[in-house]
Protein backbone atom coordinates (compact mmCIF):
# COMPACT_ATOMS: atom_id res chain seq x y z
CA MET A 1 -7.48 -0.95 -9.35
CA ASN A 2 -3.77 -1.34 -8.80
CA ASP A 3 -1.90 -4.58 -8.09
CA ALA A 4 -1.97 -4.07 -4.31
CA ALA A 5 -5.71 -3.45 -4.34
CA ASP A 6 -6.29 -6.53 -6.47
CA LEU A 7 -4.15 -8.66 -4.15
CA PHE A 8 -6.08 -7.28 -1.17
CA CYS A 9 -9.31 -8.58 -2.65
CA LYS A 10 -8.13 -11.68 -4.57
CA ASP A 11 -5.88 -13.47 -2.12
CA PRO A 12 -8.37 -15.86 -0.47
CA ALA A 13 -6.38 -16.48 2.68
CA PHE A 14 -5.73 -12.77 3.22
CA GLY A 15 -9.34 -11.73 2.74
CA GLU A 16 -10.84 -14.59 4.71
CA VAL A 17 -8.67 -13.81 7.69
CA LEU A 18 -8.85 -10.04 7.41
CA ALA A 19 -12.58 -9.54 6.73
CA PRO A 20 -13.86 -10.72 10.13
CA ILE A 21 -11.09 -8.84 11.95
CA LEU A 22 -11.89 -5.59 10.18
CA LEU A 23 -15.62 -5.96 10.65
CA ALA A 24 -15.15 -6.55 14.39
CA ALA A 25 -13.14 -3.33 14.70
CA CYS A 26 -14.62 0.05 15.52
CA THR A 27 -11.94 2.02 13.70
CA ILE A 28 -9.64 1.22 10.79
CA TYR A 29 -6.52 3.28 10.07
CA VAL A 30 -5.30 3.22 6.46
CA PRO A 31 -2.10 5.05 5.49
CA ILE A 32 -2.13 5.71 1.75
CA CYS A 33 0.62 6.94 -0.55
CA VAL A 34 -0.78 9.49 -2.99
CA GLY A 35 0.95 11.27 -5.84
CA GLY A 36 3.89 8.89 -5.84
CA GLY A 37 5.48 9.93 -2.56
CA HIS A 38 3.16 11.72 -0.13
CA TRP A 39 1.40 9.85 2.69
CA ILE A 40 -2.06 10.63 4.03
CA LEU A 41 -4.18 8.90 6.65
CA VAL A 42 -7.72 7.64 6.07
CA VAL A 43 -9.62 6.71 9.24
CA LEU A 44 -12.86 4.73 9.00
CA TRP A 45 -15.25 4.78 11.95
CA LEU A 46 -17.23 1.65 11.11
CA ARG A 47 -20.05 1.98 13.63
CA THR A 48 -20.97 5.52 12.55
CA GLY A 49 -20.14 5.37 8.84
CA VAL A 50 -17.68 8.27 8.99
CA VAL A 51 -14.50 8.41 6.92
CA GLU A 52 -11.90 11.00 7.93
CA VAL A 53 -9.02 11.98 5.64
CA TYR A 54 -5.95 13.68 7.13
CA ASP A 55 -3.36 15.35 4.88
CA SER A 56 -0.39 17.20 6.37
CA MET A 57 -0.01 19.20 3.14
CA GLY A 58 -3.58 20.44 3.11
CA GLY A 59 -5.01 18.49 0.19
CA SER A 60 -8.39 16.84 -0.29
CA HIS A 61 -8.43 13.19 -1.26
CA TRP A 62 -11.95 12.09 -2.16
CA ARG A 63 -10.59 9.41 -4.48
CA ALA A 64 -8.50 7.83 -1.70
CA ALA A 65 -11.52 7.73 0.62
CA ARG A 66 -13.66 6.12 -2.08
CA LEU A 67 -10.89 3.61 -2.85
CA VAL A 68 -10.74 2.41 0.77
CA ILE A 69 -14.54 2.10 0.94
CA ARG A 70 -14.59 0.23 -2.38
CA LEU A 71 -11.84 -2.16 -1.22
CA LEU A 72 -13.72 -2.96 1.98
CA ASP A 73 -16.93 -3.43 0.05
CA ARG A 74 -15.28 -5.78 -2.46
CA MET A 75 -13.71 -7.79 0.34
CA CYS A 76 -17.05 -8.07 2.16
CA LEU A 77 -18.87 -9.10 -1.02
CA LYS A 78 -16.27 -11.77 -1.73
CA HIS A 79 -15.90 -13.17 1.79
CA GLU A 80 -19.11 -12.21 3.59
CA HIS A 81 -21.46 -12.20 0.55
CA ASN A 82 -22.91 -8.82 1.49
CA THR A 83 -22.00 -5.14 1.18
CA ILE A 84 -20.19 -3.44 4.02
CA ILE A 85 -23.08 -1.00 4.49
CA ASN A 86 -25.53 -3.87 4.98
CA ILE A 87 -23.17 -5.75 7.29
CA LEU A 88 -22.57 -2.68 9.47
CA GLY A 89 -26.18 -1.51 9.35
CA ILE A 90 -25.26 2.06 8.41
CA ALA A 91 -27.04 4.33 5.93
CA GLY A 92 -23.88 5.25 4.01
CA TRP A 93 -20.52 6.95 4.39
CA ASP A 94 -19.90 10.57 5.38
CA VAL A 95 -16.43 11.66 4.24
CA ILE A 96 -14.74 14.47 6.18
CA GLN A 97 -11.56 16.04 4.78
CA TYR A 98 -9.16 17.45 7.39
CA GLY A 99 -6.59 18.63 4.87
CA ALA A 100 -6.27 22.27 5.83
CA THR A 101 -7.29 21.83 9.47
CA SER A 102 -4.98 18.94 10.42
CA PRO A 103 -1.40 19.69 11.54
CA GLN A 104 0.67 20.79 8.56
CA GLN A 105 4.21 19.80 7.66
CA GLU A 106 6.68 22.50 6.64
CA ASP A 107 9.08 20.29 4.72
CA SER A 108 8.80 17.62 2.05
CA ALA A 109 9.86 14.65 4.18
CA ALA A 110 7.68 14.55 7.30
CA CYS A 111 4.40 13.20 5.93
CA GLY A 112 5.04 9.66 7.25
CA VAL A 113 5.67 11.02 10.74
CA PHE A 114 2.51 13.12 10.53
CA VAL A 115 0.52 10.00 9.54
CA CYS A 116 1.94 7.99 12.45
CA VAL A 117 1.41 10.73 15.03
CA THR A 118 -2.08 11.59 13.76
CA GLY A 119 -3.09 7.93 14.00
CA THR A 120 -1.60 7.69 17.48
CA CYS A 121 -3.47 10.79 18.69
CA ILE A 122 -6.78 9.52 17.29
CA SER A 123 -6.34 6.01 18.68
CA LEU A 124 -5.64 7.42 22.15
CA GLY A 125 -8.60 9.81 21.99
CA ARG A 126 -6.26 12.81 22.13
CA PRO A 127 -6.57 16.01 20.09
CA VAL A 128 -4.66 15.88 16.82
CA ALA A 129 -2.48 18.81 17.84
CA PHE A 130 1.26 18.84 17.12
CA SER A 131 3.59 20.77 14.85
CA GLN A 132 6.58 20.50 12.56
CA ARG A 133 8.94 21.40 15.43
CA GLU A 134 8.00 18.12 17.15
CA VAL A 135 8.87 15.93 14.16
CA MET A 136 12.40 15.09 15.33
CA HIS A 137 11.06 13.95 18.72
CA TRP A 138 8.48 11.74 17.01
CA ARG A 139 11.04 10.34 14.55
CA LEU A 140 13.23 9.29 17.46
CA ARG A 141 10.24 7.90 19.39
CA ILE A 142 9.11 5.84 16.38
CA ALA A 143 12.68 4.60 15.79
CA PHE A 144 12.95 3.60 19.46
CA LEU A 145 9.64 1.73 19.38
CA LEU A 146 10.61 -0.13 16.22
CA ALA A 147 14.14 -0.88 17.42
CA THR A 148 13.01 -2.21 20.78
CA ASN A 149 9.86 -3.94 19.51
CA SER A 150 8.11 -2.05 22.27
CA ALA A 151 4.32 -1.87 22.59
CA ALA A 152 4.27 1.63 24.04
CA VAL A 153 3.41 5.08 22.80
CA THR A 154 4.06 8.60 24.03
CA THR A 155 0.90 10.30 25.19
CA THR A 156 2.33 13.78 25.74
CA THR A 157 4.23 16.26 23.61
CA PRO A 158 8.02 16.50 23.88
CA LEU A 159 7.65 19.84 25.65
CA ALA A 160 6.00 18.18 28.64
CA GLN A 161 7.26 15.31 30.77
CA PRO A 162 7.02 12.19 28.57
CA ARG A 163 4.89 9.37 29.88
CA ILE A 164 5.03 5.87 28.40
CA VAL A 165 1.80 3.91 28.49
CA PRO A 166 1.59 0.23 27.48
CA VAL A 167 -0.72 -0.47 24.58
CA GLN A 168 -3.52 -2.86 25.49
CA ALA A 169 -3.31 -6.04 23.41
């Protein structure tokens, strides 16, 4: 385990607060930096026991998926005194890799944007369908949302008429 993973599990206040929040969620989105500078997205569907891994450079990341599951399990054992599988009542985890079938970046600097947009599409129930040519639009949209502290996301591509929809709190 690395220092961040150990802190995730060892900090009592963090784990005690986070464990019930995570277990009440249906979906958990975990951006992970792999290989020292490339970001992927791991999505856990807690009620069905499915783990999806999205990589905009086409890789498979079984280790990252197992790490997230192990971190959740350690946190549950420490703060809930049970395994995550027992708490959720699922048989186990099915890991699906969407490396080659998720939208692919064509440069070496867009992986963070791909993670943000993929997570946005999934959370809105939209198809994960966008391309490298939309990256500049999404960079500007993300910058705007961060700069204005806005709770809104774009639900259409830049080629269509943009529509801003408030995020439900």
